Amino acid sequence: MSFIQELADDLARDVLDSQDELGDDRFYEQVGRVLLAASPTLQESFMTSIRIRLAERRGRDFLDKALKAKRDGSKAPDAPRDLSSGH
């Protein structure tokens, strides 16, 4: 991982961890604008880290719900429809 990626990912992790305390689940957008004004390269890497971390959270949440449903004998959650096929 490059120096810029490490900086951006560390900041992304800290921002996402702080959003509940700040009461703003889109605070990362404000941080992104601050970074864009200072360094478009760092902003791009930061936003990539944000998207990856948010996607991982969604995937983990889905996994947790599916496992809970299996253990409880309830209906597993439905995965989103596959939009990559164009239909």
Protein backbone atom coordinates (compact mmCIF):
# COMPACT_ATOMS: atom_id res chain seq x y z
CA MET A 1 0.00 0.00 0.00
CA SER A 2 1.42 3.39 -0.94
CA PHE A 3 1.95 6.22 1.53
CA ILE A 4 -1.05 8.12 0.13
CA GLN A 5 -3.28 5.05 0.33
CA GLU A 6 -2.24 4.44 3.94
CA LEU A 7 -2.96 8.05 4.92
CA ALA A 8 -6.30 8.01 3.12
CA ASP A 9 -7.36 4.66 4.57
CA ASP A 10 -6.38 5.66 8.12
CA LEU A 11 -8.40 8.84 7.76
CA ALA A 12 -11.35 6.97 6.22
CA ARG A 13 -11.41 4.53 9.13
CA ASP A 14 -11.27 7.36 11.68
CA VAL A 15 -13.98 9.37 9.91
CA LEU A 16 -16.35 6.41 9.66
CA ASP A 17 -15.72 5.54 13.32
CA SER A 18 -16.54 9.14 14.31
CA GLN A 19 -19.74 9.62 12.34
CA ASP A 20 -22.07 8.20 15.02
CA GLU A 21 -20.62 10.54 17.64
CA LEU A 22 -20.97 13.45 15.23
CA GLY A 23 -24.54 12.42 14.37
CA ASP A 24 -23.88 12.68 10.63
CA ASP A 25 -23.71 9.51 8.55
CA ARG A 26 -22.47 11.49 5.52
CA PHE A 27 -19.73 13.45 7.31
CA TYR A 28 -17.19 11.74 5.07
CA GLU A 29 -18.49 13.90 2.20
CA GLN A 30 -17.44 17.05 4.04
CA VAL A 31 -14.01 15.60 4.74
CA GLY A 32 -13.78 14.68 1.07
CA ARG A 33 -14.43 18.29 0.07
CA VAL A 34 -11.72 19.51 2.47
CA LEU A 35 -9.29 17.03 0.95
CA LEU A 36 -10.27 17.94 -2.60
CA ALA A 37 -9.36 21.58 -1.93
CA ALA A 38 -5.95 20.52 -0.63
CA SER A 39 -5.06 17.40 -2.61
CA PRO A 40 -7.24 15.80 -5.28
CA THR A 41 -4.99 12.74 -5.19
CA LEU A 42 -5.54 12.20 -1.46
CA GLN A 43 -9.27 12.91 -1.84
CA GLU A 44 -9.62 10.26 -4.54
CA SER A 45 -7.82 7.66 -2.43
CA PHE A 46 -9.88 8.66 0.64
CA MET A 47 -13.17 8.26 -1.22
CA THR A 48 -12.07 4.88 -2.56
CA SER A 49 -11.32 3.76 1.00
CA ILE A 50 -14.68 5.09 2.18
CA ARG A 51 -16.56 3.18 -0.55
CA ILE A 52 -14.65 -0.03 0.17
CA ARG A 53 -15.19 0.24 3.93
CA LEU A 54 -18.91 1.01 3.55
CA ALA A 55 -19.31 -1.91 1.13
CA GLU A 56 -17.52 -4.21 3.58
CA ARG A 57 -19.87 -3.08 6.36
CA ARG A 58 -22.90 -3.84 4.20
CA GLY A 59 -21.51 -7.24 3.27
CA ARG A 60 -20.72 -8.07 6.89
CA ASP A 61 -24.20 -6.94 7.98
CA PHE A 62 -25.74 -9.21 5.34
CA LEU A 63 -23.59 -12.12 6.51
CA ASP A 64 -24.53 -11.54 10.15
CA LYS A 65 -28.25 -11.42 9.30
CA ALA A 66 -28.02 -14.58 7.17
CA LEU A 67 -26.25 -16.48 9.95
CA LYS A 68 -28.73 -15.25 12.55
CA ALA A 69 -31.64 -16.33 10.34
CA LYS A 70 -30.09 -19.78 9.87
CA ARG A 71 -29.57 -20.19 13.60
CA ASP A 72 -33.04 -18.89 14.48
CA GLY A 73 -34.78 -20.84 11.73
CA SER A 74 -36.13 -17.64 10.24
CA LYS A 75 -36.07 -16.38 6.66
CA ALA A 76 -32.67 -15.28 5.44
CA PRO A 77 -32.36 -11.79 4.01
CA ASP A 78 -32.56 -11.39 0.26
CA ALA A 79 -29.48 -10.17 -1.54
CA PRO A 80 -29.96 -7.16 -3.80
CA ARG A 81 -30.93 -7.94 -7.34
CA ASP A 82 -27.97 -8.39 -9.70
CA LEU A 83 -27.91 -5.21 -11.77
CA SER A 84 -24.81 -6.12 -13.77
CA SER A 85 -26.79 -8.06 -16.37
CA GLY A 86 -28.56 -4.92 -17.56
CA HIS A 87 -32.02 -6.33 -16.94
